[in-house]
Protein backbone atom coordinates (compact mmCIF):
# COMPACT_ATOMS: atom_id res chain seq x y z
CA MET A 1 4.47 74.72 -19.88
CA LEU A 2 7.84 73.44 -18.73
CA MET A 3 6.54 72.85 -15.21
CA GLU A 4 3.53 70.95 -16.60
CA ARG A 5 5.79 68.67 -18.68
CA LYS A 6 8.00 67.99 -15.68
CA GLY A 7 4.89 67.14 -13.65
CA GLU A 8 3.66 64.74 -16.34
CA THR A 9 7.06 63.03 -16.55
CA SER A 10 7.18 62.67 -12.79
CA MET A 11 3.67 61.20 -12.75
CA LYS A 12 4.58 58.68 -15.49
CA LYS A 13 7.63 57.58 -13.52
CA ARG A 14 5.54 57.09 -10.40
CA LEU A 15 2.96 55.07 -12.33
CA MET A 16 5.66 52.91 -13.91
CA MET A 17 7.24 52.27 -10.52
CA ALA A 18 3.87 51.43 -9.02
CA GLY A 19 3.18 49.03 -11.90
CA MET A 20 6.53 47.34 -11.47
CA ALA A 21 5.97 47.01 -7.73
CA LEU A 22 2.57 45.44 -8.38
CA MET A 23 4.11 42.94 -10.80
CA VAL A 24 6.76 42.01 -8.24
CA ILE A 25 4.05 41.42 -5.63
CA LEU A 26 2.00 39.30 -8.05
CA PHE A 27 4.99 37.18 -9.11
CA ALA A 28 6.06 36.77 -5.50
CA GLY A 29 2.54 35.68 -4.61
CA GLN A 30 2.62 33.09 -7.38
CA ALA A 31 6.02 31.84 -6.24
CA LEU A 32 4.76 31.51 -2.68
CA ALA A 33 1.45 29.85 -3.65
CA VAL A 34 1.07 26.48 -1.91
CA THR A 35 -0.90 23.53 -3.26
CA THR A 36 -2.34 21.30 -0.56
CA LEU A 37 -3.17 17.68 -1.37
CA ARG A 38 -5.56 15.79 0.92
CA PHE A 39 -4.51 12.16 1.40
CA GLN A 40 -6.36 9.68 3.60
CA CYS A 41 -4.55 6.65 5.02
CA ALA A 42 -6.40 3.38 5.57
CA TYR A 43 -4.51 2.69 8.80
CA PRO A 44 -3.87 4.52 12.09
CA GLU A 45 -0.98 6.95 12.40
CA LYS A 46 1.11 4.54 14.51
CA ALA A 47 0.82 1.70 12.01
CA SER A 48 3.75 1.13 9.67
CA VAL A 49 1.85 2.47 6.64
CA GLY A 50 0.71 5.44 8.70
CA GLN A 51 4.31 6.32 9.49
CA THR A 52 5.36 5.79 5.87
CA THR A 53 2.53 8.08 4.75
CA LEU A 54 3.87 10.84 7.00
CA PHE A 55 7.32 10.27 5.52
CA PHE A 56 5.85 10.57 2.01
CA ALA A 57 4.20 13.87 3.00
CA SER A 58 7.45 15.26 4.37
CA GLU A 59 9.31 14.20 1.22
CA VAL A 60 6.78 15.96 -1.00
CA GLU A 61 7.29 19.17 0.95
CA ARG A 62 11.08 18.80 0.88
CA LEU A 63 11.33 18.03 -2.83
CA THR A 64 8.94 20.83 -3.86
CA SER A 65 10.48 23.41 -1.48
CA ASN A 66 7.12 23.49 0.35
CA GLN A 67 5.21 24.48 -2.81
CA VAL A 68 3.18 21.27 -2.50
CA GLN A 69 2.05 20.03 0.88
CA VAL A 70 0.30 16.77 1.75
CA LYS A 71 -2.22 16.93 4.56
CA VAL A 72 -2.72 13.44 5.95
CA PHE A 73 -6.09 12.29 7.27
CA TRP A 74 -6.65 9.05 9.16
CA PRO A 75 -9.34 6.35 8.75
CA GLY A 76 -12.84 7.79 8.56
CA GLN A 77 -11.83 11.44 8.92
CA LEU A 78 -12.87 12.43 5.39
CA THR A 79 -14.61 9.29 4.17
CA LYS A 80 -15.13 5.68 5.16
CA THR A 81 -12.19 3.51 4.15
CA ASN A 82 -14.31 1.33 1.87
CA GLU A 83 -15.41 4.49 0.02
CA ALA A 84 -11.94 6.02 -0.30
CA PHE A 85 -11.30 4.86 -3.88
CA ASP A 86 -14.49 6.52 -5.10
CA GLY A 87 -13.46 9.55 -3.08
CA VAL A 88 -10.19 9.72 -5.01
CA ARG A 89 -11.87 9.08 -8.37
CA GLN A 90 -14.41 11.83 -7.76
CA GLY A 91 -11.91 14.31 -6.34
CA MET A 92 -13.32 14.36 -2.79
CA LEU A 93 -9.87 13.10 -1.80
CA ASP A 94 -6.71 13.95 -3.69
CA GLY A 95 -4.99 10.73 -2.72
CA TYR A 96 -5.03 7.54 -0.64
CA THR A 97 -2.48 5.28 1.00
CA GLY A 98 -3.40 1.72 1.88
CA SER A 99 -4.55 -1.52 0.33
CA LEU A 100 -6.67 -1.49 -2.79
CA LEU A 101 -8.13 -4.83 -1.62
CA TYR A 102 -10.99 -2.83 -0.10
CA PHE A 103 -11.96 -1.94 -3.67
CA ALA A 104 -11.33 -5.25 -5.44
CA GLY A 105 -14.84 -5.07 -6.90
CA LYS A 106 -13.74 -2.01 -8.86
CA VAL A 107 -10.02 -2.83 -9.16
CA PRO A 108 -9.84 -6.64 -9.51
CA GLU A 109 -6.18 -6.38 -10.51
CA VAL A 110 -5.19 -5.77 -6.88
CA ASN A 111 -6.00 -9.39 -6.00
CA VAL A 112 -3.09 -10.63 -8.10
CA GLN A 113 -0.37 -9.29 -5.81
CA TRP A 114 -2.10 -11.06 -2.92
CA LEU A 115 -1.94 -14.47 -4.55
CA PRO A 116 0.07 -16.64 -2.12
CA PHE A 117 3.76 -17.48 -2.41
CA ASN A 118 4.38 -15.10 -5.33
CA TRP A 119 7.77 -13.76 -4.17
CA ALA A 120 10.16 -14.93 -1.46
CA ASP A 121 11.39 -11.71 0.14
CA SER A 122 11.33 -7.92 -0.08
CA ALA A 123 14.22 -7.69 -2.57
CA GLU A 124 12.51 -10.15 -4.88
CA ALA A 125 9.22 -8.27 -4.56
CA LYS A 126 10.86 -4.95 -5.51
CA ASP A 127 12.49 -6.60 -8.50
CA VAL A 128 9.14 -7.89 -9.78
CA LEU A 129 7.35 -4.62 -9.13
CA LEU A 130 9.97 -2.31 -10.65
CA ASN A 131 11.86 -4.38 -13.19
CA LYS A 132 9.40 -6.97 -14.51
CA GLY A 133 6.70 -4.50 -15.57
CA TYR A 134 4.27 -5.15 -12.71
CA ILE A 135 3.81 -1.54 -11.62
CA LYS A 136 3.51 -0.41 -15.25
CA VAL A 137 0.50 -2.70 -15.73
CA MET A 138 -1.04 -1.47 -12.47
CA GLU A 139 -0.57 2.11 -13.70
CA GLU A 140 -2.49 1.25 -16.87
CA ALA A 141 -5.27 -0.47 -14.91
CA LEU A 142 -5.79 2.48 -12.54
CA ASP A 143 -5.59 5.01 -15.36
CA GLN A 144 -8.96 3.67 -16.54
CA HIS A 145 -10.47 5.07 -13.35
CA GLY A 146 -8.89 8.53 -13.52
CA VAL A 147 -6.44 7.52 -10.81
CA THR A 148 -2.64 7.64 -10.97
CA TYR A 149 -0.57 4.91 -9.31
CA LEU A 150 2.39 6.49 -7.51
CA SER A 151 4.15 3.59 -5.78
CA ALA A 152 3.90 0.40 -3.77
CA LEU A 153 4.51 0.12 -0.02
CA SER A 154 5.60 -2.97 1.86
CA VAL A 155 3.64 -4.07 4.94
CA ALA A 156 6.17 -6.82 5.80
CA SER A 157 5.41 -10.54 5.91
CA MET A 158 1.79 -11.52 6.31
CA GLY A 159 0.48 -15.00 6.88
CA LEU A 160 -0.83 -17.53 9.36
CA LEU A 161 -0.66 -16.83 13.09
CA THR A 162 -2.30 -19.79 14.81
CA LYS A 163 -3.12 -21.63 18.02
CA PHE A 164 -1.87 -24.91 16.49
CA PRO A 165 1.22 -26.05 14.54
CA VAL A 166 1.01 -26.09 10.75
CA THR A 167 3.39 -28.34 8.84
CA SER A 168 0.94 -29.90 6.35
CA LEU A 169 -2.34 -29.16 4.56
CA GLU A 170 -4.10 -31.60 6.87
CA ASP A 171 -3.32 -29.37 9.85
CA LEU A 172 -5.57 -26.64 8.41
CA LYS A 173 -8.55 -28.83 7.60
CA GLY A 174 -11.68 -27.55 9.34
CA LYS A 175 -9.86 -24.74 11.19
CA LYS A 176 -11.46 -21.30 11.48
CA ILE A 177 -9.07 -18.54 10.40
CA ARG A 178 -9.80 -14.82 10.48
CA ALA A 179 -9.44 -13.81 6.82
CA VAL A 180 -11.34 -11.56 4.42
CA GLY A 181 -11.48 -11.08 0.66
CA MET A 182 -8.66 -12.81 -1.20
CA GLU A 183 -7.27 -14.11 2.11
CA ALA A 184 -10.53 -15.96 2.78
CA LYS A 185 -10.30 -17.58 -0.66
CA ILE A 186 -6.76 -18.72 0.16
CA MET A 187 -7.96 -20.26 3.44
CA GLU A 188 -10.72 -22.14 1.64
CA ALA A 189 -8.25 -23.41 -0.97
CA LEU A 190 -6.05 -24.71 1.85
CA GLY A 191 -8.95 -26.49 3.56
CA ALA A 192 -9.72 -23.99 6.33
CA SER A 193 -12.72 -21.70 6.79
CA GLY A 194 -12.40 -17.93 6.56
CA LEU A 195 -13.97 -15.85 9.33
CA ALA A 196 -14.94 -12.31 8.28
CA LEU A 197 -13.85 -10.33 11.34
CA SER A 198 -12.52 -6.79 11.53
CA GLY A 199 -9.00 -6.22 12.82
CA ALA A 200 -10.44 -4.95 16.10
CA GLU A 201 -12.61 -8.05 16.62
CA GLN A 202 -10.00 -10.75 16.14
CA TYR A 203 -8.23 -10.65 19.51
CA MET A 204 -11.47 -11.43 21.38
CA ALA A 205 -12.41 -14.15 18.86
CA LEU A 206 -9.00 -15.78 19.34
CA GLN A 207 -9.26 -15.47 23.10
CA ARG A 208 -12.72 -17.08 23.15
CA GLY A 209 -11.74 -19.81 20.71
CA THR A 210 -14.24 -18.84 18.04
CA ALA A 211 -11.22 -18.39 15.77
CA ASP A 212 -8.27 -20.77 15.59
CA GLY A 213 -5.93 -18.28 13.97
CA THR A 214 -5.61 -15.19 11.83
CA ASP A 215 -4.05 -14.26 8.51
CA TYR A 216 -2.27 -11.04 9.46
CA PRO A 217 1.12 -9.27 9.42
CA TRP A 218 3.72 -10.97 11.60
CA TYR A 219 4.72 -7.76 13.37
CA THR A 220 1.26 -7.52 14.96
CA MET A 221 2.23 -10.44 17.22
CA GLU A 222 3.86 -7.81 19.46
CA GLN A 223 1.81 -4.69 18.61
CA TYR A 224 -1.56 -6.41 19.10
CA LYS A 225 -0.32 -8.69 21.91
CA PHE A 226 -1.34 -11.74 19.92
CA TYR A 227 1.26 -13.73 21.86
CA GLU A 228 -1.37 -13.83 24.63
CA VAL A 229 -3.85 -15.75 22.45
CA LEU A 230 -1.73 -17.42 19.74
CA ASP A 231 1.02 -20.04 19.85
CA HIS A 232 2.54 -20.27 16.36
CA ILE A 233 3.90 -18.17 13.50
CA VAL A 234 3.72 -20.24 10.32
CA THR A 235 6.53 -19.93 7.79
CA PRO A 236 6.83 -19.42 4.86
CA ALA A 237 4.32 -16.61 5.15
CA LEU A 238 1.64 -16.32 2.49
CA HIS A 239 2.93 -12.91 1.46
CA THR A 240 6.60 -12.02 1.88
CA PRO A 241 5.95 -9.14 1.94
CA GLY A 242 2.40 -7.92 1.46
CA VAL A 243 2.12 -4.79 -0.68
CA VAL A 244 -0.25 -1.79 -0.56
CA GLU A 245 -0.35 1.42 -2.60
CA ILE A 246 -0.08 5.20 -2.84
CA ILE A 247 -2.52 6.60 -5.41
CA ILE A 248 -3.61 10.10 -6.46
CA ASN A 249 -6.47 11.63 -8.44
CA THR A 250 -5.14 12.08 -11.98
CA LYS A 251 -6.61 15.56 -12.45
CA ALA A 252 -5.06 16.71 -9.18
CA PHE A 253 -1.72 15.21 -10.23
CA LYS A 254 -1.77 16.78 -13.69
CA GLY A 255 -2.76 20.09 -12.13
CA LEU A 256 0.75 20.28 -10.68
CA SER A 257 3.66 21.63 -12.67
CA ALA A 258 5.92 19.12 -14.43
CA ASP A 259 8.61 19.61 -11.79
CA GLN A 260 6.09 19.16 -8.99
CA GLN A 261 4.73 15.96 -10.56
CA LYS A 262 8.27 14.61 -10.77
CA ALA A 263 8.86 15.53 -7.11
CA VAL A 264 5.63 13.88 -5.90
CA LYS A 265 6.49 10.70 -7.83
CA GLN A 266 10.01 10.72 -6.37
CA ALA A 267 8.61 11.22 -2.87
CA ALA A 268 6.38 8.16 -3.38
CA MET A 269 9.35 6.10 -4.59
CA ASN A 270 11.38 7.24 -1.58
CA ALA A 271 8.52 6.10 0.64
CA MET A 272 8.51 2.76 -1.17
CA ASP A 273 12.24 2.32 -0.54
CA LYS A 274 11.81 3.19 3.13
CA SER A 275 8.93 0.74 3.58
CA PHE A 276 10.84 -2.13 1.97
CA GLU A 277 13.90 -1.39 4.10
CA ALA A 278 11.67 -1.51 7.18
CA SER A 279 10.05 -4.77 6.03
CA ASP A 280 12.96 -7.04 6.94
CA LYS A 281 13.41 -5.26 10.28
CA LEU A 282 9.73 -5.77 11.12
CA ASP A 283 9.96 -9.47 10.28
CA LYS A 284 13.08 -9.88 12.38
CA GLY A 285 11.43 -8.06 15.26
CA ALA A 286 8.36 -10.26 14.99
CA LEU A 287 10.40 -13.46 15.22
CA GLU A 288 12.40 -12.09 18.17
CA SER A 289 9.15 -11.13 19.89
CA ALA A 290 7.77 -14.62 19.28
CA GLU A 291 10.82 -16.21 20.89
CA LYS A 292 10.61 -13.83 23.85
CA HIS A 293 6.98 -14.75 24.51
CA GLY A 294 7.29 -18.46 23.88
CA VAL A 295 5.50 -18.43 20.51
CA LYS A 296 6.77 -21.28 18.33
CA ILE A 297 7.75 -21.11 14.66
CA SER A 298 5.97 -23.71 12.52
CA VAL A 299 7.96 -24.47 9.37
CA ILE A 300 6.21 -26.00 6.36
CA PRO A 301 8.70 -28.43 4.74
CA ALA A 302 9.71 -27.87 1.11
CA ASN A 303 7.99 -31.06 -0.11
CA GLU A 304 4.76 -30.00 1.60
CA MET A 305 5.02 -26.53 0.06
CA VAL A 306 4.52 -28.20 -3.33
CA ARG A 307 1.09 -29.31 -2.13
CA PHE A 308 0.28 -25.84 -0.76
CA ARG A 309 1.13 -24.27 -4.11
CA GLU A 310 -0.87 -26.88 -6.00
CA ALA A 311 -3.93 -26.28 -3.79
CA CYS A 312 -3.80 -22.55 -4.60
CA LYS A 313 -3.40 -22.97 -8.39
CA PRO A 314 -7.11 -22.46 -9.16
CA LEU A 315 -6.95 -19.04 -7.49
CA TRP A 316 -4.27 -17.94 -9.95
CA GLU A 317 -6.31 -19.09 -12.93
CA ASN A 318 -9.48 -17.42 -11.64
CA GLU A 319 -7.76 -14.09 -11.08
CA ALA A 320 -6.24 -14.14 -14.58
CA LYS A 321 -9.79 -14.14 -15.99
CA LYS A 322 -10.89 -11.01 -14.12
CA SER A 323 -9.50 -8.47 -16.64
CA PRO A 324 -6.87 -8.16 -19.40
CA TYR A 325 -4.65 -6.36 -16.89
CA SER A 326 -5.11 -9.16 -14.35
CA ALA A 327 -4.05 -11.68 -17.00
CA LYS A 328 -0.87 -9.68 -17.68
CA LEU A 329 -0.07 -9.43 -13.97
CA VAL A 330 -0.59 -13.15 -13.36
CA GLN A 331 1.68 -13.92 -16.31
CA ILE A 332 4.41 -11.65 -14.90
CA LEU A 333 4.29 -13.61 -11.63
CA LYS A 334 4.20 -16.96 -13.41
CA ASP A 335 7.23 -16.03 -15.51
CA HIS A 336 9.03 -14.92 -12.35
CA LEU A 337 8.32 -18.20 -10.55
CA LYS A 338 9.21 -20.26 -13.62
CA ALA A 339 12.60 -18.54 -13.78
CA LYS A 340 13.11 -19.69 -10.17
CA GLY A 341 12.17 -23.27 -11.01
CA LEU A 342 8.76 -22.94 -9.34
CA ASP A 343 6.53 -23.37 -12.38
CA LYS A 344 2.95 -22.33 -11.84
């Protein structure tokens, strides 16, 4: 009997130890579990937003101790760029980095930040986005689609790169400028015609003379060798800087732990800071490149800028009518400009 009891006790101990070992393995497995988020970028890896997207991914991994990883896909790898927003909404993609202008039919609010001459530099843009309530309204607008707005990214100054000098509205009359979406509307308001060409098509169109200029980021003067087919950078730029987004599927975001959500948001804000820091450097590099290649800087005088702003006023009013969120965003920009003495 004594031997049997000892055997039973020994067996119970072994079972308890085995159970504890199993629990340790299970908890360790949970601790080591990795969540992978699939993000597609609208631009190539070497583009500024492509590089910022990789930085965002590395920050997510760092801030979550590798518990959350972002796998970055490039244009067309998972879905066509113009279908990426639906991909995020439906969960085919977990997230997207790039302009929401491709989806203005679904997210009309994005047009507001591309209204011309809305902020003067990157510091001013960050102030409006973070401190004047702009991003908060964008968060509310995207929430209606089951999408969470994480942060904004700067793409540096974007505006007219032309074959001819621009110092007055008359200089643009009848000119053919590569521009799409909101940019095409701006060209029409300024008296030019918008040409709907892809980024890849514009160099040849400029070379052949079927386009007189393009509405594009300044830094592409060097990257795209536009100095071979263009003669002027026009300043002030239309957008100083232009802004794109990092967004994520809301269900995917809420599926993370509270700490992980906080880390992903912080990673996006770190990416925003990095992109805005790079913005001024990109602009400076673009102007230095222009000088090196003999590209001239066309400066629109302050008195003429009044006419440019006046010509674009109807665009502001039209965008304010697109949605209640658009109206709020336009008002934020108007209040900002009014405080600067530039009443819209």
